């Protein structure tokens, strides 16, 4: 009898344990199912962060725009630039400042201003007949133009002596003396650079011209010289006017002295004159 009771008690205990085990399994499965279901309904954390960031970014953008507007309002240079642009837009093409500030060289002088302009140029040291810088390449086969037209009063003579009427003596002549009238224009015999403008007792006012290739020409007995040192002159441009003769040529009368050198040595200008 006792054995049957024990057996029954064991059987019931086994059933209870089995039921509890089944319940535990079912409960565990339910918890897993609930957790999975809850996971499907959860929001993506990254989406949530983006949503949270979105409004913040918008606020930052608005704050940046407000800050930029504030800086523009507080910056007087920006305000001045805006006002200047508005003023230029309102002024139209007739008030274009680029025309007001254009170079003086582009502006045509009004009537009566030409003489003043030439005077200012001469005062600045640039000859009124000066040419732009040029390549000087005078050669032995090139020719000279006559600075004035007239009779040759004294010839070139370096091998023998020639007579000078005013001095009443014979001596060598490194140049020629060409007769002319006072105030007659004197022209450059060749394109050249003005190497020297000077004055001495014999020649009076004179101009030395660098012709290139070590050739040089000197014109003396001048007045009202319009060129300056380092000016470039073209052949036939004005060098000055015939002056009263110096005491060395009082008997010969008014004239132009012309001397030519090559490598510092006198050569006969008549060999080159046209």
Protein backbone atom coordinates (compact mmCIF):
# COMPACT_ATOMS: atom_id res chain seq x y z
CA UNK A 1 0.00 0.00 0.00
CA UNK A 2 2.76 2.36 0.95
CA UNK A 3 4.58 1.48 -2.24
CA UNK A 4 1.53 2.41 -4.33
CA UNK A 5 1.15 5.72 -2.51
CA UNK A 6 4.81 6.53 -3.11
CA UNK A 7 4.50 5.54 -6.74
CA UNK A 8 1.49 7.76 -7.18
CA UNK A 9 3.22 10.63 -5.43
CA UNK A 10 6.23 10.25 -7.76
CA UNK A 11 3.96 10.10 -10.81
CA UNK A 12 2.15 13.31 -9.72
CA UNK A 13 5.44 15.03 -8.96
CA UNK A 14 6.72 14.06 -12.39
CA UNK A 15 3.54 15.43 -14.00
CA UNK A 16 3.85 18.65 -12.04
CA UNK A 17 7.47 19.01 -13.04
CA UNK A 18 6.58 18.28 -16.66
CA UNK A 19 3.79 20.85 -16.62
CA UNK A 20 6.06 23.44 -15.02
CA UNK A 21 8.70 22.72 -17.63
CA UNK A 22 6.19 23.12 -20.43
CA UNK A 23 4.90 26.36 -18.91
CA UNK A 24 8.46 27.63 -18.60
CA UNK A 25 9.13 26.84 -22.28
CA UNK A 26 5.86 28.47 -23.36
CA UNK A 27 6.60 31.54 -21.24
CA UNK A 28 10.10 31.85 -22.65
CA UNK A 29 8.75 31.58 -26.23
CA UNK A 30 6.18 34.26 -25.46
CA UNK A 31 8.83 36.61 -24.11
CA UNK A 32 10.95 36.12 -27.25
CA UNK A 33 7.93 36.76 -29.47
CA UNK A 34 7.01 39.87 -27.52
CA UNK A 35 10.61 41.17 -27.76
CA UNK A 36 10.69 40.56 -31.54
CA UNK A 37 7.34 42.22 -32.02
CA UNK A 38 8.48 45.19 -29.94
CA UNK A 39 11.69 45.43 -32.03
CA UNK A 40 9.68 45.77 -35.24
CA UNK A 41 7.69 48.61 -33.82
CA UNK A 42 10.78 50.45 -32.46
CA UNK A 43 11.96 53.47 -34.42
CA UNK A 44 15.34 53.36 -36.08
CA UNK A 45 17.71 55.15 -33.73
CA UNK A 46 19.56 56.67 -36.70
CA UNK A 47 16.32 58.07 -38.10
CA UNK A 48 15.53 59.49 -34.73
CA UNK A 49 18.93 61.17 -34.55
CA UNK A 50 18.43 62.65 -38.02
CA UNK A 51 14.99 63.89 -37.07
CA UNK A 52 16.39 65.42 -33.95
CA UNK A 53 19.28 66.92 -35.92
CA UNK A 54 17.01 68.32 -38.63
CA UNK A 55 15.27 70.99 -36.59
CA UNK A 56 18.55 71.85 -34.87
CA UNK A 57 20.26 72.29 -38.25
CA UNK A 58 17.40 74.50 -39.39
CA UNK A 59 17.79 76.64 -36.31
CA UNK A 60 21.52 76.87 -36.92
CA UNK A 61 20.88 77.94 -40.55
CA UNK A 62 18.43 80.60 -39.44
CA UNK A 63 20.89 81.73 -36.77
CA UNK A 64 23.66 81.91 -39.40
CA UNK A 65 21.46 84.02 -41.69
CA UNK A 66 20.57 86.31 -38.83
CA UNK A 67 24.23 86.58 -37.86
CA UNK A 68 25.18 87.40 -41.45
CA UNK A 69 22.50 90.04 -41.68
CA UNK A 70 23.67 91.53 -38.43
CA UNK A 71 27.27 91.68 -39.67
CA UNK A 72 26.17 93.43 -42.84
CA UNK A 73 24.19 95.94 -40.87
CA UNK A 74 27.06 96.55 -38.45
CA UNK A 75 29.81 96.72 -41.15
CA UNK A 76 29.94 100.28 -42.53
CA UNK A 77 32.21 99.27 -45.42
CA UNK A 78 29.63 96.78 -46.65
CA UNK A 79 26.93 99.40 -46.34
CA UNK A 80 29.11 101.89 -48.22
CA UNK A 81 29.81 99.37 -50.99
CA UNK A 82 26.07 98.72 -51.37
CA UNK A 83 25.36 102.44 -51.46
CA UNK A 84 28.13 102.96 -54.05
CA UNK A 85 26.73 100.19 -56.27
CA UNK A 86 23.28 101.71 -55.99
CA UNK A 87 24.67 105.14 -56.81
CA UNK A 88 26.49 103.80 -59.89
CA UNK A 89 23.37 101.98 -61.02
CA UNK A 90 21.29 105.16 -60.63
CA UNK A 91 23.92 107.34 -62.33
CA UNK A 92 23.69 105.47 -65.63
CA UNK A 93 26.22 105.46 -68.49
CA UNK A 94 26.35 109.27 -68.73
CA UNK A 95 28.03 109.54 -65.34
CA UNK A 96 30.57 106.76 -65.89
CA UNK A 97 33.52 107.60 -63.65
CA UNK A 98 35.90 105.82 -66.02
CA UNK A 99 35.37 108.64 -68.52
CA UNK A 100 36.04 111.26 -65.87
CA UNK A 101 39.26 109.50 -64.83
CA UNK A 102 40.46 108.72 -68.36
CA UNK A 103 44.03 109.44 -69.39
CA UNK A 104 44.87 113.04 -70.37
CA UNK A 105 46.45 111.74 -73.55
CA UNK A 106 43.05 110.48 -74.78
CA UNK A 107 41.30 113.78 -74.20
CA UNK A 108 41.26 116.25 -77.06
CA UNK A 109 42.37 119.75 -75.99
CA UNK A 110 39.86 122.52 -76.28
CA UNK A 111 40.45 125.54 -78.47
CA UNK A 112 43.40 127.63 -77.31
CA UNK A 113 44.95 124.82 -75.25
CA UNK A 114 47.41 123.56 -77.90
CA UNK A 115 50.05 126.19 -77.25
CA UNK A 116 49.99 125.62 -73.50
CA UNK A 117 50.36 121.89 -74.04
CA UNK A 118 53.44 122.35 -76.25
CA UNK A 119 54.96 124.77 -73.75
CA UNK A 120 54.46 122.29 -70.89
CA UNK A 121 56.09 119.54 -72.92
CA UNK A 122 59.14 121.66 -73.67
CA UNK A 123 59.40 122.71 -70.04
CA UNK A 124 59.40 119.05 -69.01
CA UNK A 125 62.48 118.47 -71.18
CA UNK A 126 60.85 116.50 -73.99
CA UNK A 127 61.41 118.14 -77.39
CA UNK A 128 58.28 119.14 -79.24
CA UNK A 129 59.61 117.39 -82.36
CA UNK A 130 61.07 114.43 -80.45
CA UNK A 131 60.25 111.01 -81.86
CA UNK A 132 59.67 107.77 -79.98
CA UNK A 133 62.75 105.65 -79.18
CA UNK A 134 64.12 104.11 -82.36
CA UNK A 135 66.90 101.80 -83.51
CA UNK A 136 69.78 103.93 -84.83
CA UNK A 137 71.86 102.19 -87.47
CA UNK A 138 73.62 104.81 -89.58
CA UNK A 139 75.98 103.23 -92.11
CA UNK A 140 78.75 104.47 -94.37
CA UNK A 141 76.39 104.20 -97.35
CA UNK A 142 73.65 106.35 -95.72
CA UNK A 143 73.13 110.01 -96.54
CA UNK A 144 72.52 113.19 -94.55
CA UNK A 145 69.95 115.86 -95.21
CA UNK A 146 71.00 119.50 -95.31
CA UNK A 147 70.20 121.26 -92.02
CA UNK A 148 69.74 124.46 -94.06
CA UNK A 149 70.10 125.25 -97.76
CA UNK A 150 72.89 127.66 -98.62
CA UNK A 151 76.38 128.14 -99.91
CA UNK A 152 79.28 126.47 -98.14
CA UNK A 153 81.37 129.36 -96.75
CA UNK A 154 84.11 127.19 -95.20
CA UNK A 155 84.91 123.66 -96.36
CA UNK A 156 85.95 120.65 -94.32
CA UNK A 157 89.73 120.41 -94.22
CA UNK A 158 91.76 118.24 -91.90
CA UNK A 159 94.61 117.31 -94.25
CA UNK A 160 95.41 120.93 -95.10
CA UNK A 161 94.53 124.32 -93.64
CA UNK A 162 91.78 126.60 -94.86
CA UNK A 163 91.32 130.36 -94.45
CA UNK A 164 88.94 131.75 -91.80
CA UNK A 165 88.06 135.35 -92.76
CA UNK A 166 87.00 136.54 -89.30
CA UNK A 167 90.10 135.10 -87.64
CA UNK A 168 92.26 136.12 -90.59
CA UNK A 169 94.20 132.91 -90.36
CA UNK A 170 94.55 129.49 -91.87
CA UNK A 171 93.72 126.44 -89.83
CA UNK A 172 92.17 123.01 -90.09
CA UNK A 173 88.37 122.80 -90.27
CA UNK A 174 86.68 119.68 -88.81
CA UNK A 175 83.30 120.78 -90.16
CA UNK A 176 81.63 122.98 -92.76
CA UNK A 177 80.00 126.40 -92.42
CA UNK A 178 76.75 126.77 -94.40
CA UNK A 179 75.40 130.24 -95.13
CA UNK A 180 71.87 131.01 -93.95
CA UNK A 181 69.61 133.77 -92.64
CA UNK A 182 68.87 134.54 -89.00
CA UNK A 183 65.70 132.79 -87.71
CA UNK A 184 65.65 130.30 -90.58
CA UNK A 185 64.58 126.81 -89.31
CA UNK A 186 67.32 124.22 -88.91
CA UNK A 187 66.45 120.55 -89.47
CA UNK A 188 67.95 117.28 -88.19
CA UNK A 189 70.22 115.83 -90.92
CA UNK A 190 69.35 112.25 -89.88
CA UNK A 191 67.28 110.28 -87.42
CA UNK A 192 69.15 110.37 -84.15
CA UNK A 193 69.20 110.59 -80.38
CA UNK A 194 70.09 113.95 -78.85
CA UNK A 195 73.37 113.23 -77.06
CA UNK A 196 74.16 116.80 -75.95
CA UNK A 197 72.71 120.31 -75.97
CA UNK A 198 75.32 122.93 -75.10
CA UNK A 199 76.92 126.30 -75.70
CA UNK A 200 80.44 127.49 -76.30
CA UNK A 201 82.19 130.65 -77.41
CA UNK A 202 82.84 129.53 -80.99
CA UNK A 203 79.66 127.65 -81.96
CA UNK A 204 77.14 129.39 -79.70
CA UNK A 205 74.22 127.06 -78.98
CA UNK A 206 74.74 123.61 -80.50
CA UNK A 207 73.19 120.12 -80.59
CA UNK A 208 75.14 116.86 -80.81
CA UNK A 209 73.24 113.98 -82.46
CA UNK A 210 74.03 110.28 -82.01
CA UNK A 211 73.29 108.62 -85.36
CA UNK A 212 74.24 105.08 -84.30
CA UNK A 213 77.21 102.88 -85.15
CA UNK A 214 79.56 105.50 -83.63
CA UNK A 215 78.48 108.20 -86.09
CA UNK A 216 77.65 111.63 -84.67
CA UNK A 217 76.72 115.04 -86.09
CA UNK A 218 77.01 118.49 -84.50
CA UNK A 219 74.89 121.48 -85.54
CA UNK A 220 75.98 124.89 -84.18
CA UNK A 221 75.04 128.58 -84.36
CA UNK A 222 71.46 127.82 -83.23
CA UNK A 223 68.80 129.46 -81.08
CA UNK A 224 65.42 128.43 -79.65
CA UNK A 225 66.37 124.75 -79.52
CA UNK A 226 63.20 122.68 -78.84
CA UNK A 227 64.89 119.32 -78.12
CA UNK A 228 66.55 117.97 -74.99
CA UNK A 229 69.16 115.35 -74.17
CA UNK A 230 67.97 111.77 -74.85
CA UNK A 231 65.16 112.93 -77.12
CA UNK A 232 64.83 111.00 -80.38
CA UNK A 233 64.43 113.05 -83.54
CA UNK A 234 63.56 111.96 -87.03
CA UNK A 235 65.38 113.10 -90.12
CA UNK A 236 64.03 116.49 -91.15
CA UNK A 237 62.52 117.37 -87.76
CA UNK A 238 63.14 120.81 -86.24
CA UNK A 239 66.36 121.33 -84.26
CA UNK A 240 66.09 125.08 -83.78
CA UNK A 241 66.61 128.31 -85.68
CA UNK A 242 69.63 130.15 -87.08
CA UNK A 243 71.12 132.53 -84.50
CA UNK A 244 73.28 135.65 -84.90
CA UNK A 245 76.85 134.54 -85.66
CA UNK A 246 79.38 134.36 -82.85
CA UNK A 247 82.49 136.59 -82.90
CA UNK A 248 84.35 133.73 -84.62
CA UNK A 249 82.13 134.10 -87.71
CA UNK A 250 81.20 137.79 -87.75
CA UNK A 251 82.71 138.32 -91.22
CA UNK A 252 81.20 135.14 -92.67
CA UNK A 253 77.80 136.22 -91.39
CA UNK A 254 74.88 134.14 -90.13
CA UNK A 255 75.42 130.44 -90.76
CA UNK A 256 74.98 126.90 -89.49
CA UNK A 257 78.03 124.91 -88.47
CA UNK A 258 77.87 121.18 -89.34
CA UNK A 259 80.45 118.67 -88.15
CA UNK A 260 80.39 114.89 -88.50
CA UNK A 261 82.51 112.28 -86.72
CA UNK A 262 82.91 108.52 -86.83
CA UNK A 263 84.38 106.79 -83.77
CA UNK A 264 85.35 110.23 -82.50
CA UNK A 265 87.32 111.20 -85.65
CA UNK A 266 86.11 114.01 -87.97
CA UNK A 267 84.88 113.00 -91.43
CA UNK A 268 83.82 115.22 -94.33
CA UNK A 269 80.06 115.92 -94.08
CA UNK A 270 79.98 116.68 -97.82
CA UNK A 271 80.68 112.98 -98.48
CA UNK A 272 77.32 112.15 -96.86
CA UNK A 273 75.11 115.14 -97.72
CA UNK A 274 72.46 114.46 -100.34
